[in-house]
């Protein structure tokens, strides 16, 4: 009986879906500030000044290929 319960618990927990609301990226090492489920570089409070060199003038990807809008929607 214990084995059956253990098996059911394993199946239950392994079948849980991951939350795919936020994209998962491998961030650069200087992105150390965790906020809203993603890591950011210092200066995140002024993205038009501090983030455009990698994410582009419009923050839609730039050289990083990662749009800030993927996580922040229309907050910008």
PDB file of N, CA and C in Angstrom:
ATOM      1  N   UNK A   1       0.819  -1.194   0.000  1.00  0.00           N
ATOM      2  CA  UNK A   1       0.000   0.000   0.000  1.00  0.00           C
ATOM      3  C   UNK A   1       0.865   1.262   0.000  1.00  0.00           C
ATOM      4  N   UNK A   2       1.922   1.261   0.808  1.00  0.00           N
ATOM      5  CA  UNK A   2       2.808   2.422   0.863  1.00  0.00           C
ATOM      6  C   UNK A   2       3.460   2.680  -0.497  1.00  0.00           C
ATOM      7  N   UNK A   3       3.818   1.594  -1.175  1.00  0.00           N
ATOM      8  CA  UNK A   3       4.458   1.728  -2.491  1.00  0.00           C
ATOM      9  C   UNK A   3       3.481   2.343  -3.484  1.00  0.00           C
ATOM     10  N   UNK A   4       2.243   1.925  -3.434  1.00  0.00           N
ATOM     11  CA  UNK A   4       1.224   2.478  -4.322  1.00  0.00           C
ATOM     12  C   UNK A   4       1.018   3.965  -4.063  1.00  0.00           C
ATOM     13  N   UNK A   5       0.950   4.357  -2.822  1.00  0.00           N
ATOM     14  CA  UNK A   5       0.791   5.774  -2.469  1.00  0.00           C
ATOM     15  C   UNK A   5       1.999   6.572  -2.934  1.00  0.00           C
ATOM     16  N   UNK A   6       3.192   6.044  -2.720  1.00  0.00           N
ATOM     17  CA  UNK A   6       4.416   6.737  -3.165  1.00  0.00           C
ATOM     18  C   UNK A   6       4.411   6.897  -4.685  1.00  0.00           C
ATOM     19  N   UNK A   7       4.023   5.847  -5.387  1.00  0.00           N
ATOM     20  CA  UNK A   7       3.967   5.905  -6.845  1.00  0.00           C
ATOM     21  C   UNK A   7       2.969   6.974  -7.306  1.00  0.00           C
ATOM     22  N   UNK A   8       1.811   7.018  -6.705  1.00  0.00           N
ATOM     23  CA  UNK A   8       0.796   8.010  -7.070  1.00  0.00           C
ATOM     24  C   UNK A   8       1.271   9.434  -6.798  1.00  0.00           C
ATOM     25  N   UNK A   9       1.956   9.628  -5.706  1.00  0.00           N
ATOM     26  CA  UNK A   9       2.496  10.959  -5.400  1.00  0.00           C
ATOM     27  C   UNK A   9       3.550  11.380  -6.421  1.00  0.00           C
ATOM     28  N   UNK A  10       4.407  10.457  -6.793  1.00  0.00           N
ATOM     29  CA  UNK A  10       5.433  10.753  -7.800  1.00  0.00           C
ATOM     30  C   UNK A  10       4.772  11.131  -9.121  1.00  0.00           C
ATOM     31  N   UNK A  11       3.785  10.365  -9.542  1.00  0.00           N
ATOM     32  CA  UNK A  11       3.084  10.652 -10.790  1.00  0.00           C
ATOM     33  C   UNK A  11       2.381  12.000 -10.707  1.00  0.00           C
ATOM     34  N   UNK A  12       1.737  12.280  -9.589  1.00  0.00           N
ATOM     35  CA  UNK A  12       1.023  13.540  -9.411  1.00  0.00           C
ATOM     36  C   UNK A  12       1.959  14.731  -9.537  1.00  0.00           C
ATOM     37  N   UNK A  13       3.071  14.693  -8.821  1.00  0.00           N
ATOM     38  CA  UNK A  13       3.988  15.836  -8.831  1.00  0.00           C
ATOM     39  C   UNK A  13       4.776  15.945 -10.127  1.00  0.00           C
ATOM     40  N   UNK A  14       5.058  14.849 -10.766  1.00  0.00           N
ATOM     41  CA  UNK A  14       5.820  14.926 -12.016  1.00  0.00           C
ATOM     42  C   UNK A  14       4.949  15.354 -13.183  1.00  0.00           C
ATOM     43  N   UNK A  15       3.637  15.277 -13.032  1.00  0.00           N
ATOM     44  CA  UNK A  15       2.757  15.669 -14.123  1.00  0.00           C
ATOM     45  C   UNK A  15       2.364  17.130 -14.061  1.00  0.00           C
ATOM     46  N   UNK A  16       2.776  17.842 -13.030  1.00  0.00           N
ATOM     47  CA  UNK A  16       2.453  19.268 -12.933  1.00  0.00           C
ATOM     48  C   UNK A  16       3.144  20.023 -14.055  1.00  0.00           C
ATOM     49  N   UNK A  17       2.421  20.933 -14.654  1.00  0.00           N
ATOM     50  CA  UNK A  17       2.990  21.719 -15.744  1.00  0.00           C
ATOM     51  C   UNK A  17       3.825  22.854 -15.194  1.00  0.00           C
ATOM     52  N   UNK A  18       4.868  23.187 -15.948  1.00  0.00           N
ATOM     53  CA  UNK A  18       5.659  24.357 -15.596  1.00  0.00           C
ATOM     54  C   UNK A  18       4.890  25.596 -15.964  1.00  0.00           C
ATOM     55  N   UNK A  19       5.141  26.678 -15.242  1.00  0.00           N
ATOM     56  CA  UNK A  19       4.546  27.954 -15.589  1.00  0.00           C
ATOM     57  C   UNK A  19       5.337  28.531 -16.751  1.00  0.00           C
ATOM     58  N   UNK A  20       4.707  28.605 -17.918  1.00  0.00           N
ATOM     59  CA  UNK A  20       5.385  29.101 -19.109  1.00  0.00           C
ATOM     60  C   UNK A  20       4.988  30.527 -19.435  1.00  0.00           C
ATOM     61  N   UNK A  21       4.500  31.269 -18.433  1.00  0.00           N
ATOM     62  CA  UNK A  21       4.097  32.646 -18.669  1.00  0.00           C
ATOM     63  C   UNK A  21       5.286  33.536 -18.997  1.00  0.00           C
ATOM     64  N   UNK A  22       6.433  33.235 -18.412  1.00  0.00           N
ATOM     65  CA  UNK A  22       7.613  34.051 -18.624  1.00  0.00           C
ATOM     66  C   UNK A  22       8.626  33.280 -19.462  1.00  0.00           C
ATOM     67  N   UNK A  23       9.172  33.917 -20.477  1.00  0.00           N
ATOM     68  CA  UNK A  23      10.207  33.250 -21.250  1.00  0.00           C
ATOM     69  C   UNK A  23      11.429  32.969 -20.389  1.00  0.00           C
ATOM     70  N   UNK A  24      12.142  31.923 -20.725  1.00  0.00           N
ATOM     71  CA  UNK A  24      13.351  31.591 -19.974  1.00  0.00           C
ATOM     72  C   UNK A  24      14.563  31.832 -20.869  1.00  0.00           C
ATOM     73  N   UNK A  25      15.438  32.698 -20.415  1.00  0.00           N
ATOM     74  CA  UNK A  25      16.636  33.040 -21.165  1.00  0.00           C
ATOM     75  C   UNK A  25      17.837  32.862 -20.265  1.00  0.00           C
ATOM     76  N   UNK A  26      18.959  32.670 -20.881  1.00  0.00           N
ATOM     77  CA  UNK A  26      20.209  32.640 -20.157  1.00  0.00           C
ATOM     78  C   UNK A  26      20.722  34.072 -20.138  1.00  0.00           C
ATOM     79  N   UNK A  27      20.595  34.728 -19.013  1.00  0.00           N
ATOM     80  CA  UNK A  27      20.952  36.139 -18.904  1.00  0.00           C
ATOM     81  C   UNK A  27      22.447  36.329 -18.706  1.00  0.00           C
ATOM     82  N   UNK A  28      22.986  37.465 -19.137  1.00  0.00           N
ATOM     83  CA  UNK A  28      24.404  37.770 -18.906  1.00  0.00           C
ATOM     84  C   UNK A  28      24.707  37.850 -17.411  1.00  0.00           C
ATOM     85  N   UNK A  29      25.944  37.661 -17.052  1.00  0.00           N
ATOM     86  CA  UNK A  29      26.342  37.631 -15.640  1.00  0.00           C
ATOM     87  C   UNK A  29      26.114  38.955 -14.916  1.00  0.00           C
ATOM     88  N   UNK A  30      26.034  40.074 -15.654  1.00  0.00           N
ATOM     89  CA  UNK A  30      25.800  41.357 -14.991  1.00  0.00           C
ATOM     90  C   UNK A  30      24.316  41.615 -14.709  1.00  0.00           C
ATOM     91  N   UNK A  31      23.461  40.700 -15.103  1.00  0.00           N
ATOM     92  CA  UNK A  31      22.032  40.797 -14.808  1.00  0.00           C
ATOM     93  C   UNK A  31      21.776  40.040 -13.502  1.00  0.00           C
ATOM     94  N   UNK A  32      21.901  40.761 -12.385  1.00  0.00           N
ATOM     95  CA  UNK A  32      21.865  40.130 -11.068  1.00  0.00           C
ATOM     96  C   UNK A  32      20.677  40.555 -10.214  1.00  0.00           C
ATOM     97  N   UNK A  33      19.850  41.462 -10.706  1.00  0.00           N
ATOM     98  CA  UNK A  33      18.715  41.949  -9.927  1.00  0.00           C
ATOM     99  C   UNK A  33      17.460  41.181 -10.346  1.00  0.00           C
ATOM    100  N   UNK A  34      16.915  40.432  -9.415  1.00  0.00           N
ATOM    101  CA  UNK A  34      15.721  39.640  -9.711  1.00  0.00           C
ATOM    102  C   UNK A  34      14.480  40.481  -9.448  1.00  0.00           C
ATOM    103  N   UNK A  35      13.633  40.593 -10.469  1.00  0.00           N
ATOM    104  CA  UNK A  35      12.403  41.374 -10.329  1.00  0.00           C
ATOM    105  C   UNK A  35      11.362  40.807 -11.291  1.00  0.00           C
ATOM    106  N   UNK A  36      10.179  40.594 -10.788  1.00  0.00           N
ATOM    107  CA  UNK A  36       9.056  40.111 -11.595  1.00  0.00           C
ATOM    108  C   UNK A  36       9.371  38.804 -12.316  1.00  0.00           C
ATOM    109  N   UNK A  37      10.150  37.942 -11.696  1.00  0.00           N
ATOM    110  CA  UNK A  37      10.439  36.635 -12.278  1.00  0.00           C
ATOM    111  C   UNK A  37      11.540  36.621 -13.321  1.00  0.00           C
ATOM    112  N   UNK A  38      12.230  37.728 -13.491  1.00  0.00           N
ATOM    113  CA  UNK A  38      13.338  37.797 -14.456  1.00  0.00           C
ATOM    114  C   UNK A  38      14.500  38.541 -13.822  1.00  0.00           C
ATOM    115  N   UNK A  39      15.696  38.326 -14.362  1.00  0.00           N
ATOM    116  CA  UNK A  39      16.855  39.055 -13.841  1.00  0.00           C
ATOM    117  C   UNK A  39      17.166  40.236 -14.749  1.00  0.00           C
ATOM    118  N   UNK A  40      17.589  41.315 -14.126  1.00  0.00           N
ATOM    119  CA  UNK A  40      17.871  42.564 -14.824  1.00  0.00           C
ATOM    120  C   UNK A  40      19.249  43.073 -14.431  1.00  0.00           C
ATOM    121  N   UNK A  41      19.746  43.988 -15.222  1.00  0.00           N
ATOM    122  CA  UNK A  41      20.993  44.690 -14.940  1.00  0.00           C
ATOM    123  C   UNK A  41      20.666  45.915 -14.080  1.00  0.00           C
ATOM    124  N   UNK A  42      21.647  46.430 -13.357  1.00  0.00           N
ATOM    125  CA  UNK A  42      21.405  47.643 -12.588  1.00  0.00           C
ATOM    126  C   UNK A  42      20.986  48.760 -13.548  1.00  0.00           C
ATOM    127  N   UNK A  43      20.168  49.651 -13.066  1.00  0.00           N
ATOM    128  CA  UNK A  43      19.649  50.730 -13.899  1.00  0.00           C
ATOM    129  C   UNK A  43      18.342  50.362 -14.573  1.00  0.00           C
ATOM    130  N   UNK A  44      17.733  49.270 -14.139  1.00  0.00           N
ATOM    131  CA  UNK A  44      16.499  48.807 -14.768  1.00  0.00           C
ATOM    132  C   UNK A  44      15.361  49.801 -14.648  1.00  0.00           C
ATOM    133  N   UNK A  45      15.464  50.733 -13.723  1.00  0.00           N
ATOM    134  CA  UNK A  45      14.409  51.724 -13.558  1.00  0.00           C
ATOM    135  C   UNK A  45      14.433  52.790 -14.665  1.00  0.00           C
ATOM    136  N   UNK A  46      15.486  52.813 -15.468  1.00  0.00           N
ATOM    137  CA  UNK A  46      15.593  53.743 -16.598  1.00  0.00           C
ATOM    138  C   UNK A  46      15.984  52.968 -17.852  1.00  0.00           C
ATOM    139  N   UNK A  47      15.064  52.144 -18.382  1.00  0.00           N
ATOM    140  CA  UNK A  47      15.411  51.287 -19.519  1.00  0.00           C
ATOM    141  C   UNK A  47      15.800  52.051 -20.780  1.00  0.00           C
ATOM    142  N   UNK A  48      15.225  53.225 -20.999  1.00  0.00           N
ATOM    143  CA  UNK A  48      15.566  53.990 -22.202  1.00  0.00           C
ATOM    144  C   UNK A  48      17.002  54.501 -22.158  1.00  0.00           C
ATOM    145  N   UNK A  49      17.608  54.493 -20.990  1.00  0.00           N
ATOM    146  CA  UNK A  49      19.005  54.897 -20.852  1.00  0.00           C
ATOM    147  C   UNK A  49      19.922  53.693 -20.714  1.00  0.00           C
ATOM    148  N   UNK A  50      19.514  52.710 -19.924  1.00  0.00           N
ATOM    149  CA  UNK A  50      20.418  51.634 -19.531  1.00  0.00           C
ATOM    150  C   UNK A  50      20.263  50.315 -20.271  1.00  0.00           C
ATOM    151  N   UNK A  51      19.184  50.125 -21.002  1.00  0.00           N
ATOM    152  CA  UNK A  51      18.929  48.816 -21.611  1.00  0.00           C
ATOM    153  C   UNK A  51      19.008  48.822 -23.135  1.00  0.00           C
ATOM    154  N   UNK A  52      19.007  50.010 -23.728  1.00  0.00           N
ATOM    155  CA  UNK A  52      18.925  50.110 -25.189  1.00  0.00           C
ATOM    156  C   UNK A  52      20.157  49.575 -25.918  1.00  0.00           C
ATOM    157  N   UNK A  53      21.313  49.575 -25.280  1.00  0.00           N
ATOM    158  CA  UNK A  53      22.513  49.117 -25.984  1.00  0.00           C
ATOM    159  C   UNK A  53      22.423  47.643 -26.356  1.00  0.00           C
ATOM    160  N   UNK A  54      21.699  46.855 -25.603  1.00  0.00           N
ATOM    161  CA  UNK A  54      21.530  45.429 -25.917  1.00  0.00           C
ATOM    162  C   UNK A  54      20.133  45.093 -26.431  1.00  0.00           C
ATOM    163  N   UNK A  55      19.120  45.755 -25.893  1.00  0.00           N
ATOM    164  CA  UNK A  55      17.740  45.417 -26.235  1.00  0.00           C
ATOM    165  C   UNK A  55      17.160  46.312 -27.331  1.00  0.00           C
ATOM    166  N   UNK A  56      17.950  47.251 -27.834  1.00  0.00           N
ATOM    167  CA  UNK A  56      17.525  48.107 -28.929  1.00  0.00           C
ATOM    168  C   UNK A  56      16.838  49.379 -28.471  1.00  0.00           C
ATOM    169  N   UNK A  57      16.856  50.385 -29.337  1.00  0.00           N
ATOM    170  CA  UNK A  57      16.242  51.681 -29.021  1.00  0.00           C
ATOM    171  C   UNK A  57      14.766  51.535 -28.666  1.00  0.00           C
ATOM    172  N   UNK A  58      14.102  50.569 -29.288  1.00  0.00           N
ATOM    173  CA  UNK A  58      12.680  50.354 -29.025  1.00  0.00           C
ATOM    174  C   UNK A  58      12.440  49.258 -27.981  1.00  0.00           C
ATOM    175  N   UNK A  59      13.513  48.716 -27.416  1.00  0.00           N
ATOM    176  CA  UNK A  59      13.484  47.651 -26.411  1.00  0.00           C
ATOM    177  C   UNK A  59      12.805  46.376 -26.915  1.00  0.00           C
ATOM    178  N   UNK A  60      12.812  46.186 -28.235  1.00  0.00           N
ATOM    179  CA  UNK A  60      12.148  45.020 -28.823  1.00  0.00           C
ATOM    180  C   UNK A  60      13.115  43.909 -29.232  1.00  0.00           C
ATOM    181  N   UNK A  61      14.355  43.984 -28.773  1.00  0.00           N
ATOM    182  CA  UNK A  61      15.273  42.878 -29.051  1.00  0.00           C
ATOM    183  C   UNK A  61      16.706  43.303 -29.227  1.00  0.00           C
ATOM    184  N   UNK A  62      16.949  44.234 -30.144  1.00  0.00           N
ATOM    185  CA  UNK A  62      18.310  44.695 -30.387  1.00  0.00           C
ATOM    186  C   UNK A  62      19.274  43.563 -30.636  1.00  0.00           C
ATOM    187  N   UNK A  63      20.522  43.736 -30.223  1.00  0.00           N
ATOM    188  CA  UNK A  63      21.543  42.718 -30.442  1.00  0.00           C
ATOM    189  C   UNK A  63      21.350  41.498 -29.542  1.00  0.00           C
ATOM    190  N   UNK A  64      20.611  41.668 -28.438  1.00  0.00           N
ATOM    191  CA  UNK A  64      20.377  40.531 -27.535  1.00  0.00           C
ATOM    192  C   UNK A  64      19.339  39.572 -28.104  1.00  0.00           C
ATOM    193  N   UNK A  65      18.464  40.097 -28.965  1.00  0.00           N
ATOM    194  CA  UNK A  65      17.386  39.276 -29.501  1.00  0.00           C
ATOM    195  C   UNK A  65      16.276  39.011 -28.501  1.00  0.00           C
ATOM    196  N   UNK A  66      16.325  39.681 -27.356  1.00  0.00           N
ATOM    197  CA  UNK A  66      15.311  39.494 -26.316  1.00  0.00           C
ATOM    198  C   UNK A  66      14.554  40.803 -26.133  1.00  0.00           C
ATOM    199  N   UNK A  67      13.271  40.763 -26.422  1.00  0.00           N
ATOM    200  CA  UNK A  67      12.432  41.942 -26.271  1.00  0.00           C
ATOM    201  C   UNK A  67      12.009  42.109 -24.822  1.00  0.00           C
ATOM    202  N   UNK A  68      12.108  43.316 -24.315  1.00  0.00           N
ATOM    203  CA  UNK A  68      11.641  43.602 -22.955  1.00  0.00           C
ATOM    204  C   UNK A  68      10.127  43.451 -22.870  1.00  0.00           C
ATOM    205  N   UNK A  69       9.454  43.607 -23.997  1.00  0.00           N
ATOM    206  CA  UNK A  69       7.995  43.504 -24.026  1.00  0.00           C
ATOM    207  C   UNK A  69       7.504  42.071 -23.797  1.00  0.00           C
ATOM    208  N   UNK A  70       8.377  41.079 -23.981  1.00  0.00           N
ATOM    209  CA  UNK A  70       7.960  39.704 -23.748  1.00  0.00           C
ATOM    210  C   UNK A  70       7.548  39.490 -22.297  1.00  0.00           C
ATOM    211  N   UNK A  71       8.197  40.186 -21.387  1.00  0.00           N
ATOM    212  CA  UNK A  71       7.851  40.066 -19.976  1.00  0.00           C
ATOM    213  C   UNK A  71       7.057  41.270 -19.464  1.00  0.00           C
ATOM    214  N   UNK A  72       7.359  42.441 -19.967  1.00  0.00           N
ATOM    215  CA  UNK A  72       6.786  43.658 -19.417  1.00  0.00           C
ATOM    216  C   UNK A  72       5.542  44.154 -20.126  1.00  0.00           C
ATOM    217  N   UNK A  73       5.163  43.515 -21.199  1.00  0.00           N
ATOM    218  CA  UNK A  73       3.972  43.899 -21.967  1.00  0.00           C
ATOM    219  C   UNK A  73       3.972  45.394 -22.257  1.00  0.00           C
ATOM    220  N   UNK A  74       2.954  46.065 -21.841  1.00  0.00           N
ATOM    221  CA  UNK A  74       2.818  47.484 -22.155  1.00  0.00           C
ATOM    222  C   UNK A  74       3.269  48.397 -21.023  1.00  0.00           C
ATOM    223  N   UNK A  75       3.989  47.848 -20.050  1.00  0.00           N
ATOM    224  CA  UNK A  75       4.456  48.662 -18.928  1.00  0.00           C
ATOM    225  C   UNK A  75       5.442  49.736 -19.353  1.00  0.00           C
ATOM    226  N   UNK A  76       6.076  49.549 -20.491  1.00  0.00           N
ATOM    227  CA  UNK A  76       7.077  50.517 -20.920  1.00  0.00           C
ATOM    228  C   UNK A  76       6.379  51.729 -21.449  1.00  0.00           C
TER     229      UNK A  76
END
